[in-house]
Amino acid sequence: MSGIVFFNTNKLEELRTFYINRVGCSMWMDQGDCIILKHGNFLFGFCKREKADLCGLITFFYDKHEKVDRMYELFKDSTKSAPKKNPKYPIYHFFAADPEGRGIEFQYFTEPIDWKFE
């Protein structure tokens, strides 16, 4: 089984460019007024609608903390703080926002996890 998370947007083309060119996602499916993007095994989409969904948080996780640092270098102009450890969860992460103001997070799990999903 698999799944896709969808968000309504007013900025479909801007988000397409942002997630492909800045975040490193690939286009999985283009349905005209809806696009579905892929980042590893994560599928998420945006549909052009009158009202944007800005709630929630889109989290991208990586297998090395250095990859989170690399993403921080790309986004440091739009973040509130540098990557840091969060022992409660336990992760290493930082937050940013997409062009529509939707929260995005880049993280690395600091304890072993089974991340090779099928």
PDB file of N, CA and C in Angstrom:
ATOM      1  N   MET A   1       0.841  -1.174   0.000  1.00  0.00           N
ATOM      2  CA  MET A   1       0.000   0.000   0.000  1.00  0.00           C
ATOM      3  C   MET A   1       0.887   1.238   0.000  1.00  0.00           C
ATOM      4  N   SER A   2       0.383   2.266  -0.598  1.00  0.00           N
ATOM      5  CA  SER A   2       1.073   3.547  -0.655  1.00  0.00           C
ATOM      6  C   SER A   2       0.065   4.648  -0.447  1.00  0.00           C
ATOM      7  N   GLY A   3       0.545   5.878  -0.386  1.00  0.00           N
ATOM      8  CA  GLY A   3      -0.356   7.004  -0.207  1.00  0.00           C
ATOM      9  C   GLY A   3       0.230   8.289  -0.741  1.00  0.00           C
ATOM     10  N   ILE A   4      -0.627   9.278  -0.878  1.00  0.00           N
ATOM     11  CA  ILE A   4      -0.241  10.606  -1.337  1.00  0.00           C
ATOM     12  C   ILE A   4      -0.936  11.615  -0.442  1.00  0.00           C
ATOM     13  N   VAL A   5      -0.211  12.638  -0.015  1.00  0.00           N
ATOM     14  CA  VAL A   5      -0.788  13.743   0.732  1.00  0.00           C
ATOM     15  C   VAL A   5      -0.958  14.901  -0.249  1.00  0.00           C
ATOM     16  N   PHE A   6      -2.162  15.484  -0.314  1.00  0.00           N
ATOM     17  CA  PHE A   6      -2.435  16.606  -1.212  1.00  0.00           C
ATOM     18  C   PHE A   6      -2.693  17.883  -0.432  1.00  0.00           C
ATOM     19  N   PHE A   7      -2.280  18.992  -1.030  1.00  0.00           N
ATOM     20  CA  PHE A   7      -2.531  20.325  -0.498  1.00  0.00           C
ATOM     21  C   PHE A   7      -3.123  21.183  -1.602  1.00  0.00           C
ATOM     22  N   ASN A   8      -4.083  22.023  -1.244  1.00  0.00           N
ATOM     23  CA  ASN A   8      -4.589  23.018  -2.181  1.00  0.00           C
ATOM     24  C   ASN A   8      -3.599  24.173  -2.236  1.00  0.00           C
ATOM     25  N   THR A   9      -3.471  24.791  -3.414  1.00  0.00           N
ATOM     26  CA  THR A   9      -2.521  25.882  -3.582  1.00  0.00           C
ATOM     27  C   THR A   9      -3.045  26.948  -4.532  1.00  0.00           C
ATOM     28  N   ASN A  10      -2.556  28.162  -4.355  1.00  0.00           N
ATOM     29  CA  ASN A  10      -2.785  29.258  -5.291  1.00  0.00           C
ATOM     30  C   ASN A  10      -1.552  29.474  -6.166  1.00  0.00           C
ATOM     31  N   LYS A  11      -0.465  28.752  -5.880  1.00  0.00           N
ATOM     32  CA  LYS A  11       0.821  28.986  -6.542  1.00  0.00           C
ATOM     33  C   LYS A  11       1.391  27.687  -7.119  1.00  0.00           C
ATOM     34  N   LEU A  12       0.622  27.009  -7.938  1.00  0.00           N
ATOM     35  CA  LEU A  12       1.020  25.703  -8.438  1.00  0.00           C
ATOM     36  C   LEU A  12       2.365  25.733  -9.163  1.00  0.00           C
ATOM     37  N   GLU A  13       2.551  26.639 -10.098  1.00  0.00           N
ATOM     38  CA  GLU A  13       3.801  26.677 -10.868  1.00  0.00           C
ATOM     39  C   GLU A  13       4.993  27.073 -10.006  1.00  0.00           C
ATOM     40  N   GLU A  14       4.788  27.997  -9.094  1.00  0.00           N
ATOM     41  CA  GLU A  14       5.866  28.407  -8.196  1.00  0.00           C
ATOM     42  C   GLU A  14       6.288  27.250  -7.282  1.00  0.00           C
ATOM     43  N   LEU A  15       5.308  26.496  -6.786  1.00  0.00           N
ATOM     44  CA  LEU A  15       5.627  25.350  -5.938  1.00  0.00           C
ATOM     45  C   LEU A  15       6.300  24.238  -6.737  1.00  0.00           C
ATOM     46  N   ARG A  16       5.865  24.019  -7.958  1.00  0.00           N
ATOM     47  CA  ARG A  16       6.507  23.022  -8.828  1.00  0.00           C
ATOM     48  C   ARG A  16       7.999  23.340  -8.946  1.00  0.00           C
ATOM     49  N   THR A  17       8.315  24.571  -9.288  1.00  0.00           N
ATOM     50  CA  THR A  17       9.709  24.995  -9.446  1.00  0.00           C
ATOM     51  C   THR A  17      10.467  24.881  -8.138  1.00  0.00           C
ATOM     52  N   PHE A  18       9.874  25.330  -7.055  1.00  0.00           N
ATOM     53  CA  PHE A  18      10.518  25.310  -5.745  1.00  0.00           C
ATOM     54  C   PHE A  18      10.873  23.888  -5.315  1.00  0.00           C
ATOM     55  N   TYR A  19       9.890  22.989  -5.327  1.00  0.00           N
ATOM     56  CA  TYR A  19      10.132  21.638  -4.818  1.00  0.00           C
ATOM     57  C   TYR A  19      11.050  20.823  -5.735  1.00  0.00           C
ATOM     58  N   ILE A  20      11.012  21.074  -7.025  1.00  0.00           N
ATOM     59  CA  ILE A  20      11.902  20.350  -7.933  1.00  0.00           C
ATOM     60  C   ILE A  20      13.308  20.945  -7.908  1.00  0.00           C
ATOM     61  N   ASN A  21      13.422  22.254  -8.055  1.00  0.00           N
ATOM     62  CA  ASN A  21      14.741  22.888  -8.180  1.00  0.00           C
ATOM     63  C   ASN A  21      15.456  23.143  -6.859  1.00  0.00           C
ATOM     64  N   ARG A  22      14.729  23.481  -5.815  1.00  0.00           N
ATOM     65  CA  ARG A  22      15.398  23.788  -4.537  1.00  0.00           C
ATOM     66  C   ARG A  22      15.454  22.594  -3.594  1.00  0.00           C
ATOM     67  N   VAL A  23      14.351  21.860  -3.477  1.00  0.00           N
ATOM     68  CA  VAL A  23      14.304  20.741  -2.531  1.00  0.00           C
ATOM     69  C   VAL A  23      14.882  19.461  -3.151  1.00  0.00           C
ATOM     70  N   GLY A  24      14.786  19.312  -4.458  1.00  0.00           N
ATOM     71  CA  GLY A  24      15.328  18.126  -5.112  1.00  0.00           C
ATOM     72  C   GLY A  24      14.314  17.026  -5.356  1.00  0.00           C
ATOM     73  N   CYS A  25      13.045  17.367  -5.348  1.00  0.00           N
ATOM     74  CA  CYS A  25      11.998  16.392  -5.644  1.00  0.00           C
ATOM     75  C   CYS A  25      11.946  16.155  -7.148  1.00  0.00           C
ATOM     76  N   SER A  26      11.255  15.112  -7.547  1.00  0.00           N
ATOM     77  CA  SER A  26      11.018  14.863  -8.962  1.00  0.00           C
ATOM     78  C   SER A  26       9.512  14.844  -9.211  1.00  0.00           C
ATOM     79  N   MET A  27       9.149  15.109 -10.458  1.00  0.00           N
ATOM     80  CA  MET A  27       7.738  15.053 -10.834  1.00  0.00           C
ATOM     81  C   MET A  27       7.350  13.585 -10.980  1.00  0.00           C
ATOM     82  N   TRP A  28       6.343  13.160 -10.244  1.00  0.00           N
ATOM     83  CA  TRP A  28       5.862  11.794 -10.347  1.00  0.00           C
ATOM     84  C   TRP A  28       4.699  11.728 -11.323  1.00  0.00           C
ATOM     85  N   MET A  29       3.805  12.742 -11.249  1.00  0.00           N
ATOM     86  CA  MET A  29       2.673  12.780 -12.173  1.00  0.00           C
ATOM     87  C   MET A  29       2.185  14.221 -12.299  1.00  0.00           C
ATOM     88  N   ASP A  30       1.919  14.626 -13.525  1.00  0.00           N
ATOM     89  CA  ASP A  30       1.357  15.953 -13.801  1.00  0.00           C
ATOM     90  C   ASP A  30      -0.046  15.756 -14.348  1.00  0.00           C
ATOM     91  N   GLN A  31      -1.036  16.240 -13.601  1.00  0.00           N
ATOM     92  CA  GLN A  31      -2.433  16.086 -14.000  1.00  0.00           C
ATOM     93  C   GLN A  31      -3.049  17.418 -14.417  1.00  0.00           C
ATOM     94  N   GLY A  32      -2.205  18.356 -14.832  1.00  0.00           N
ATOM     95  CA  GLY A  32      -2.713  19.663 -15.243  1.00  0.00           C
ATOM     96  C   GLY A  32      -2.850  20.601 -14.064  1.00  0.00           C
ATOM     97  N   ASP A  33      -4.021  20.591 -13.425  1.00  0.00           N
ATOM     98  CA  ASP A  33      -4.206  21.475 -12.270  1.00  0.00           C
ATOM     99  C   ASP A  33      -3.774  20.821 -10.961  1.00  0.00           C
ATOM    100  N   CYS A  34      -3.263  19.588 -11.019  1.00  0.00           N
ATOM    101  CA  CYS A  34      -2.690  18.899  -9.858  1.00  0.00           C
ATOM    102  C   CYS A  34      -1.352  18.287 -10.270  1.00  0.00           C
ATOM    103  N   ILE A  35      -0.374  18.412  -9.393  1.00  0.00           N
ATOM    104  CA  ILE A  35       0.914  17.755  -9.617  1.00  0.00           C
ATOM    105  C   ILE A  35       1.206  16.857  -8.419  1.00  0.00           C
ATOM    106  N   ILE A  36       1.897  15.756  -8.684  1.00  0.00           N
ATOM    107  CA  ILE A  36       2.324  14.859  -7.610  1.00  0.00           C
ATOM    108  C   ILE A  36       3.840  14.768  -7.691  1.00  0.00           C
ATOM    109  N   LEU A  37       4.483  15.095  -6.581  1.00  0.00           N
ATOM    110  CA  LEU A  37       5.930  15.111  -6.491  1.00  0.00           C
ATOM    111  C   LEU A  37       6.415  13.921  -5.689  1.00  0.00           C
ATOM    112  N   LYS A  38       7.693  13.550  -5.927  1.00  0.00           N
ATOM    113  CA  LYS A  38       8.282  12.414  -5.236  1.00  0.00           C
ATOM    114  C   LYS A  38       9.619  12.826  -4.638  1.00  0.00           C
ATOM    115  N   HIS A  39       9.827  12.415  -3.406  1.00  0.00           N
ATOM    116  CA  HIS A  39      11.103  12.612  -2.719  1.00  0.00           C
ATOM    117  C   HIS A  39      11.403  11.292  -2.021  1.00  0.00           C
ATOM    118  N   GLY A  40      12.256  10.464  -2.616  1.00  0.00           N
ATOM    119  CA  GLY A  40      12.465   9.122  -2.088  1.00  0.00           C
ATOM    120  C   GLY A  40      11.174   8.333  -2.228  1.00  0.00           C
ATOM    121  N   ASN A  41      10.662   7.831  -1.113  1.00  0.00           N
ATOM    122  CA  ASN A  41       9.403   7.081  -1.150  1.00  0.00           C
ATOM    123  C   ASN A  41       8.201   7.945  -0.755  1.00  0.00           C
ATOM    124  N   PHE A  42       8.409   9.249  -0.641  1.00  0.00           N
ATOM    125  CA  PHE A  42       7.372  10.178  -0.200  1.00  0.00           C
ATOM    126  C   PHE A  42       6.684  10.797  -1.414  1.00  0.00           C
ATOM    127  N   LEU A  43       5.374  10.604  -1.520  1.00  0.00           N
ATOM    128  CA  LEU A  43       4.579  11.233  -2.566  1.00  0.00           C
ATOM    129  C   LEU A  43       3.688  12.293  -1.935  1.00  0.00           C
ATOM    130  N   PHE A  44       3.724  13.485  -2.525  1.00  0.00           N
ATOM    131  CA  PHE A  44       2.851  14.551  -2.057  1.00  0.00           C
ATOM    132  C   PHE A  44       2.484  15.410  -3.261  1.00  0.00           C
ATOM    133  N   GLY A  45       1.300  16.026  -3.191  1.00  0.00           N
ATOM    134  CA  GLY A  45       0.825  16.764  -4.350  1.00  0.00           C
ATOM    135  C   GLY A  45       0.188  18.084  -3.999  1.00  0.00           C
ATOM    136  N   PHE A  46       0.040  18.889  -5.043  1.00  0.00           N
ATOM    137  CA  PHE A  46      -0.593  20.193  -4.926  1.00  0.00           C
ATOM    138  C   PHE A  46      -1.623  20.321  -6.036  1.00  0.00           C
ATOM    139  N   CYS A  47      -2.798  20.840  -5.682  1.00  0.00           N
ATOM    140  CA  CYS A  47      -3.860  21.082  -6.653  1.00  0.00           C
ATOM    141  C   CYS A  47      -4.214  22.563  -6.627  1.00  0.00           C
ATOM    142  N   LYS A  48      -4.301  23.147  -7.811  1.00  0.00           N
ATOM    143  CA  LYS A  48      -4.639  24.564  -7.915  1.00  0.00           C
ATOM    144  C   LYS A  48      -6.101  24.760  -7.535  1.00  0.00           C
ATOM    145  N   ARG A  49      -6.307  25.540  -6.488  1.00  0.00           N
ATOM    146  CA  ARG A  49      -7.639  25.808  -5.977  1.00  0.00           C
ATOM    147  C   ARG A  49      -7.720  27.264  -5.521  1.00  0.00           C
ATOM    148  N   GLU A  50      -8.930  27.721  -5.207  1.00  0.00           N
ATOM    149  CA  GLU A  50      -9.114  29.111  -4.779  1.00  0.00           C
ATOM    150  C   GLU A  50      -8.490  29.388  -3.423  1.00  0.00           C
ATOM    151  N   LYS A  51      -8.546  28.408  -2.514  1.00  0.00           N
ATOM    152  CA  LYS A  51      -8.016  28.604  -1.168  1.00  0.00           C
ATOM    153  C   LYS A  51      -6.885  27.604  -0.924  1.00  0.00           C
ATOM    154  N   ALA A  52      -5.743  28.118  -0.444  1.00  0.00           N
ATOM    155  CA  ALA A  52      -4.571  27.273  -0.186  1.00  0.00           C
ATOM    156  C   ALA A  52      -4.662  26.618   1.188  1.00  0.00           C
ATOM    157  N   ASP A  53      -4.167  25.385   1.290  1.00  0.00           N
ATOM    158  CA  ASP A  53      -4.016  24.685   2.572  1.00  0.00           C
ATOM    159  C   ASP A  53      -2.621  25.012   3.116  1.00  0.00           C
ATOM    160  N   LEU A  54      -2.558  25.729   4.221  1.00  0.00           N
ATOM    161  CA  LEU A  54      -1.264  26.115   4.780  1.00  0.00           C
ATOM    162  C   LEU A  54      -0.982  25.449   6.114  1.00  0.00           C
ATOM    163  N   CYS A  55      -1.897  24.626   6.580  1.00  0.00           N
ATOM    164  CA  CYS A  55      -1.699  23.912   7.843  1.00  0.00           C
ATOM    165  C   CYS A  55      -0.827  22.688   7.604  1.00  0.00           C
ATOM    166  N   GLY A  56      -0.296  22.182   8.665  1.00  0.00           N
ATOM    167  CA  GLY A  56       0.528  20.986   8.569  1.00  0.00           C
ATOM    168  C   GLY A  56       1.988  21.334   8.345  1.00  0.00           C
ATOM    169  N   LEU A  57       2.771  20.309   8.187  1.00  0.00           N
ATOM    170  CA  LEU A  57       4.210  20.441   8.027  1.00  0.00           C
ATOM    171  C   LEU A  57       4.675  19.347   7.082  1.00  0.00           C
ATOM    172  N   ILE A  58       5.423  19.712   6.061  1.00  0.00           N
ATOM    173  CA  ILE A  58       5.989  18.732   5.133  1.00  0.00           C
ATOM    174  C   ILE A  58       7.409  18.455   5.598  1.00  0.00           C
ATOM    175  N   THR A  59       7.689  17.221   5.990  1.00  0.00           N
ATOM    176  CA  THR A  59       9.000  16.855   6.521  1.00  0.00           C
ATOM    177  C   THR A  59       9.720  15.931   5.548  1.00  0.00           C
ATOM    178  N   PHE A  60      10.957  16.305   5.240  1.00  0.00           N
ATOM    179  CA  PHE A  60      11.845  15.489   4.415  1.00  0.00           C
ATOM    180  C   PHE A  60      12.926  14.954   5.335  1.00  0.00           C
ATOM    181  N   PHE A  61      13.147  13.625   5.325  1.00  0.00           N
ATOM    182  CA  PHE A  61      14.213  13.113   6.173  1.00  0.00           C
ATOM    183  C   PHE A  61      15.291  12.455   5.338  1.00  0.00           C
ATOM    184  N   TYR A  62      16.483  12.459   5.902  1.00  0.00           N
ATOM    185  CA  TYR A  62      17.690  12.035   5.206  1.00  0.00           C
ATOM    186  C   TYR A  62      18.423  10.980   6.012  1.00  0.00           C
ATOM    187  N   ASP A  63      19.286  10.238   5.334  1.00  0.00           N
ATOM    188  CA  ASP A  63      20.019   9.162   5.990  1.00  0.00           C
ATOM    189  C   ASP A  63      21.325   9.622   6.634  1.00  0.00           C
ATOM    190  N   LYS A  64      21.695  10.897   6.461  1.00  0.00           N
ATOM    191  CA  LYS A  64      22.911  11.446   7.073  1.00  0.00           C
ATOM    192  C   LYS A  64      22.658  12.887   7.507  1.00  0.00           C
ATOM    193  N   HIS A  65      23.193  13.253   8.654  1.00  0.00           N
ATOM    194  CA  HIS A  65      22.977  14.628   9.119  1.00  0.00           C
ATOM    195  C   HIS A  65      23.667  15.632   8.207  1.00  0.00           C
ATOM    196  N   GLU A  66      24.710  15.218   7.488  1.00  0.00           N
ATOM    197  CA  GLU A  66      25.385  16.125   6.560  1.00  0.00           C
ATOM    198  C   GLU A  66      24.452  16.563   5.428  1.00  0.00           C
ATOM    199  N   LYS A  67      23.507  15.723   5.076  1.00  0.00           N
ATOM    200  CA  LYS A  67      22.537  16.090   4.046  1.00  0.00           C
ATOM    201  C   LYS A  67      21.583  17.162   4.556  1.00  0.00           C
ATOM    202  N   VAL A  68      21.261  17.111   5.834  1.00  0.00           N
ATOM    203  CA  VAL A  68      20.449  18.176   6.441  1.00  0.00           C
ATOM    204  C   VAL A  68      21.255  19.474   6.423  1.00  0.00           C
ATOM    205  N   ASP A  69      22.540  19.389   6.749  1.00  0.00           N
ATOM    206  CA  ASP A  69      23.400  20.579   6.704  1.00  0.00           C
ATOM    207  C   ASP A  69      23.455  21.162   5.292  1.00  0.00           C
ATOM    208  N   ARG A  70      23.519  20.301   4.292  1.00  0.00           N
ATOM    209  CA  ARG A  70      23.546  20.764   2.899  1.00  0.00           C
ATOM    210  C   ARG A  70      22.254  21.501   2.549  1.00  0.00           C
ATOM    211  N   MET A  71      21.125  20.962   2.989  1.00  0.00           N
ATOM    212  CA  MET A  71      19.843  21.627   2.734  1.00  0.00           C
ATOM    213  C   MET A  71      19.776  22.962   3.473  1.00  0.00           C
ATOM    214  N   TYR A  72      20.360  22.995   4.670  1.00  0.00           N
ATOM    215  CA  TYR A  72      20.384  24.258   5.409  1.00  0.00           C
ATOM    216  C   TYR A  72      21.137  25.328   4.625  1.00  0.00           C
ATOM    217  N   GLU A  73      22.240  24.954   4.000  1.00  0.00           N
ATOM    218  CA  GLU A  73      22.999  25.920   3.207  1.00  0.00           C
ATOM    219  C   GLU A  73      22.143  26.496   2.085  1.00  0.00           C
ATOM    220  N   LEU A  74      21.256  25.705   1.516  1.00  0.00           N
ATOM    221  CA  LEU A  74      20.361  26.180   0.463  1.00  0.00           C
ATOM    222  C   LEU A  74      19.239  27.064   0.992  1.00  0.00           C
ATOM    223  N   PHE A  75      18.847  26.861   2.242  1.00  0.00           N
ATOM    224  CA  PHE A  75      17.683  27.546   2.807  1.00  0.00           C
ATOM    225  C   PHE A  75      17.997  28.523   3.932  1.00  0.00           C
ATOM    226  N   LYS A  76      19.264  28.703   4.276  1.00  0.00           N
ATOM    227  CA  LYS A  76      19.583  29.501   5.468  1.00  0.00           C
ATOM    228  C   LYS A  76      19.085  30.936   5.383  1.00  0.00           C
ATOM    229  N   ASP A  77      18.826  31.431   4.189  1.00  0.00           N
ATOM    230  CA  ASP A  77      18.291  32.787   4.059  1.00  0.00           C
ATOM    231  C   ASP A  77      16.832  32.879   4.474  1.00  0.00           C
ATOM    232  N   SER A  78      16.151  31.742   4.612  1.00  0.00           N
ATOM    233  CA  SER A  78      14.724  31.765   4.955  1.00  0.00           C
ATOM    234  C   SER A  78      14.379  30.926   6.180  1.00  0.00           C
ATOM    235  N   THR A  79      15.385  30.645   7.016  1.00  0.00           N
ATOM    236  CA  THR A  79      15.128  29.880   8.240  1.00  0.00           C
ATOM    237  C   THR A  79      15.282  30.776   9.451  1.00  0.00           C
ATOM    238  N   LYS A  80      14.757  30.318  10.560  1.00  0.00           N
ATOM    239  CA  LYS A  80      14.884  31.078  11.797  1.00  0.00           C
ATOM    240  C   LYS A  80      16.068  30.626  12.631  1.00  0.00           C
ATOM    241  N   SER A  81      16.552  29.395  12.384  1.00  0.00           N
ATOM    242  CA  SER A  81      17.696  28.902  13.154  1.00  0.00           C
ATOM    243  C   SER A  81      18.406  27.799  12.381  1.00  0.00           C
ATOM    244  N   ALA A  82      19.646  27.578  12.764  1.00  0.00           N
ATOM    245  CA  ALA A  82      20.464  26.527  12.157  1.00  0.00           C
ATOM    246  C   ALA A  82      19.972  25.154  12.606  1.00  0.00           C
ATOM    247  N   PRO A  83      20.386  24.097  11.913  1.00  0.00           N
ATOM    248  CA  PRO A  83      20.002  22.752  12.353  1.00  0.00           C
ATOM    249  C   PRO A  83      20.473  22.487  13.782  1.00  0.00           C
ATOM    250  N   LYS A  84      19.654  21.748  14.500  1.00  0.00           N
ATOM    251  CA  LYS A  84      20.012  21.424  15.880  1.00  0.00           C
ATOM    252  C   LYS A  84      19.461  20.054  16.232  1.00  0.00           C
ATOM    253  N   LYS A  85      20.020  19.490  17.288  1.00  0.00           N
ATOM    254  CA  LYS A  85      19.530  18.211  17.802  1.00  0.00           C
ATOM    255  C   LYS A  85      18.301  18.458  18.653  1.00  0.00           C
ATOM    256  N   ASN A  86      17.349  17.560  18.535  1.00  0.00           N
ATOM    257  CA  ASN A  86      16.157  17.581  19.365  1.00  0.00           C
ATOM    258  C   ASN A  86      16.103  16.219  20.057  1.00  0.00           C
ATOM    259  N   PRO A  87      16.604  16.133  21.294  1.00  0.00           N
ATOM    260  CA  PRO A  87      16.683  14.836  21.973  1.00  0.00           C
ATOM    261  C   PRO A  87      15.330  14.212  22.290  1.00  0.00           C
ATOM    262  N   LYS A  88      14.279  15.011  22.314  1.00  0.00           N
ATOM    263  CA  LYS A  88      12.961  14.462  22.637  1.00  0.00           C
ATOM    264  C   LYS A  88      12.512  13.431  21.603  1.00  0.00           C
ATOM    265  N   TYR A  89      12.860  13.618  20.312  1.00  0.00           N
ATOM    266  CA  TYR A  89      12.269  12.766  19.274  1.00  0.00           C
ATOM    267  C   TYR A  89      13.118  11.631  18.723  1.00  0.00           C
ATOM    268  N   PRO A  90      14.270  11.413  18.738  1.00  0.00           N
ATOM    269  CA  PRO A  90      15.520  12.148  18.655  1.00  0.00           C
ATOM    270  C   PRO A  90      15.896  12.416  17.177  1.00  0.00           C
ATOM    271  N   ILE A  91      15.998  13.686  16.847  1.00  0.00           N
ATOM    272  CA  ILE A  91      16.278  14.098  15.477  1.00  0.00           C
ATOM    273  C   ILE A  91      17.260  15.257  15.456  1.00  0.00           C
ATOM    274  N   TYR A  92      17.792  15.501  14.293  1.00  0.00           N
ATOM    275  CA  TYR A  92      18.616  16.670  13.981  1.00  0.00           C
ATOM    276  C   TYR A  92      17.868  17.354  12.848  1.00  0.00           C
ATOM    277  N   HIS A  93      17.512  18.652  12.997  1.00  0.00           N
ATOM    278  CA  HIS A  93      16.584  19.238  12.033  1.00  0.00           C
ATOM    279  C   HIS A  93      16.610  20.755  12.006  1.00  0.00           C
ATOM    280  N   PHE A  94      15.929  21.305  11.002  1.00  0.00           N
ATOM    281  CA  PHE A  94      15.630  22.734  10.950  1.00  0.00           C
ATOM    282  C   PHE A  94      14.333  22.922  10.171  1.00  0.00           C
ATOM    283  N   PHE A  95      13.756  24.099  10.335  1.00  0.00           N
ATOM    284  CA  PHE A  95      12.496  24.435   9.688  1.00  0.00           C
ATOM    285  C   PHE A  95      12.703  25.570   8.686  1.00  0.00           C
ATOM    286  N   ALA A  96      11.903  25.550   7.639  1.00  0.00           N
ATOM    287  CA  ALA A  96      11.870  26.610   6.639  1.00  0.00           C
ATOM    288  C   ALA A  96      10.418  26.739   6.180  1.00  0.00           C
ATOM    289  N   ALA A  97      10.204  27.454   5.089  1.00  0.00           N
ATOM    290  CA  ALA A  97       8.859  27.599   4.532  1.00  0.00           C
ATOM    291  C   ALA A  97       8.940  27.572   3.016  1.00  0.00           C
ATOM    292  N   ASP A  98       7.884  27.080   2.394  1.00  0.00           N
ATOM    293  CA  ASP A  98       7.835  27.100   0.934  1.00  0.00           C
ATOM    294  C   ASP A  98       7.311  28.466   0.475  1.00  0.00           C
ATOM    295  N   PRO A  99       7.241  28.728  -0.819  1.00  0.00           N
ATOM    296  CA  PRO A  99       6.828  30.049  -1.303  1.00  0.00           C
ATOM    297  C   PRO A  99       5.423  30.489  -0.890  1.00  0.00           C
ATOM    298  N   GLU A 100       4.618  29.555  -0.467  1.00  0.00           N
ATOM    299  CA  GLU A 100       3.261  29.895  -0.052  1.00  0.00           C
ATOM    300  C   GLU A 100       3.165  30.083   1.461  1.00  0.00           C
ATOM    301  N   GLY A 101       4.279  29.837   2.175  1.00  0.00           N
ATOM    302  CA  GLY A 101       4.297  29.986   3.625  1.00  0.00           C
ATOM    303  C   GLY A 101       4.051  28.697   4.378  1.00  0.00           C
ATOM    304  N   ARG A 102       3.915  27.596   3.675  1.00  0.00           N
ATOM    305  CA  ARG A 102       3.685  26.278   4.278  1.00  0.00           C
ATOM    306  C   ARG A 102       4.967  25.826   4.956  1.00  0.00           C
ATOM    307  N   GLY A 103       4.871  25.291   6.155  1.00  0.00           N
ATOM    308  CA  GLY A 103       6.043  24.833   6.888  1.00  0.00           C
ATOM    309  C   GLY A 103       6.675  23.603   6.257  1.00  0.00           C
ATOM    310  N   ILE A 104       8.009  23.624   6.165  1.00  0.00           N
ATOM    311  CA  ILE A 104       8.755  22.451   5.729  1.00  0.00           C
ATOM    312  C   ILE A 104       9.871  22.206   6.728  1.00  0.00           C
ATOM    313  N   GLU A 105      10.213  20.951   6.892  1.00  0.00           N
ATOM    314  CA  GLU A 105      11.248  20.547   7.847  1.00  0.00           C
ATOM    315  C   GLU A 105      12.199  19.591   7.139  1.00  0.00           C
ATOM    316  N   PHE A 106      13.478  19.718   7.482  1.00  0.00           N
ATOM    317  CA  PHE A 106      14.509  18.817   6.980  1.00  0.00           C
ATOM    318  C   PHE A 106      15.129  18.159   8.191  1.00  0.00           C
ATOM    319  N   GLN A 107      15.153  16.820   8.221  1.00  0.00           N
ATOM    320  CA  GLN A 107      15.612  16.156   9.442  1.00  0.00           C
ATOM    321  C   GLN A 107      16.366  14.867   9.163  1.00  0.00           C
ATOM    322  N   TYR A 108      17.107  14.481  10.173  1.00  0.00           N
ATOM    323  CA  TYR A 108      17.843  13.229  10.214  1.00  0.00           C
ATOM    324  C   TYR A 108      17.522  12.583  11.560  1.00  0.00           C
ATOM    325  N   PHE A 109      17.180  11.296  11.558  1.00  0.00           N
ATOM    326  CA  PHE A 109      16.937  10.584  12.815  1.00  0.00           C
ATOM    327  C   PHE A 109      18.291  10.204  13.416  1.00  0.00           C
ATOM    328  N   THR A 110      18.530  10.604  14.644  1.00  0.00           N
ATOM    329  CA  THR A 110      19.838  10.364  15.270  1.00  0.00           C
ATOM    330  C   THR A 110      19.973   8.972  15.861  1.00  0.00           C
ATOM    331  N   GLU A 111      18.903   8.225  15.917  1.00  0.00           N
ATOM    332  CA  GLU A 111      18.955   6.824  16.344  1.00  0.00           C
ATOM    333  C   GLU A 111      18.566   5.956  15.155  1.00  0.00           C
ATOM    334  N   PRO A 112      19.039   4.721  15.104  1.00  0.00           N
ATOM    335  CA  PRO A 112      18.732   3.864  13.956  1.00  0.00           C
ATOM    336  C   PRO A 112      17.243   3.679  13.733  1.00  0.00           C
ATOM    337  N   ILE A 113      16.848   3.726  12.469  1.00  0.00           N
ATOM    338  CA  ILE A 113      15.458   3.471  12.075  1.00  0.00           C
ATOM    339  C   ILE A 113      15.465   2.570  10.842  1.00  0.00           C
ATOM    340  N   ASP A 114      14.354   1.926  10.593  1.00  0.00           N
ATOM    341  CA  ASP A 114      14.179   1.138   9.391  1.00  0.00           C
ATOM    342  C   ASP A 114      13.589   2.067   8.326  1.00  0.00           C
ATOM    343  N   TRP A 115      14.452   2.727   7.561  1.00  0.00           N
ATOM    344  CA  TRP A 115      14.003   3.739   6.617  1.00  0.00           C
ATOM    345  C   TRP A 115      13.954   3.265   5.176  1.00  0.00           C
ATOM    346  N   LYS A 116      14.316   2.028   4.919  1.00  0.00           N
ATOM    347  CA  LYS A 116      14.290   1.519   3.540  1.00  0.00           C
ATOM    348  C   LYS A 116      12.940   0.852   3.286  1.00  0.00           C
ATOM    349  N   PHE A 117      11.936   1.667   2.999  1.00  0.00           N
ATOM    350  CA  PHE A 117      10.581   1.189   2.808  1.00  0.00           C
ATOM    351  C   PHE A 117      10.428   0.564   1.431  1.00  0.00           C
ATOM    352  N   GLU A 118       9.470  -0.312   1.319  1.00  0.00           N
ATOM    353  CA  GLU A 118       9.191  -0.941   0.014  1.00  0.00           C
ATOM    354  C   GLU A 118       7.944  -0.379  -0.578  1.00  0.00           C
TER     355      GLU A 118
END
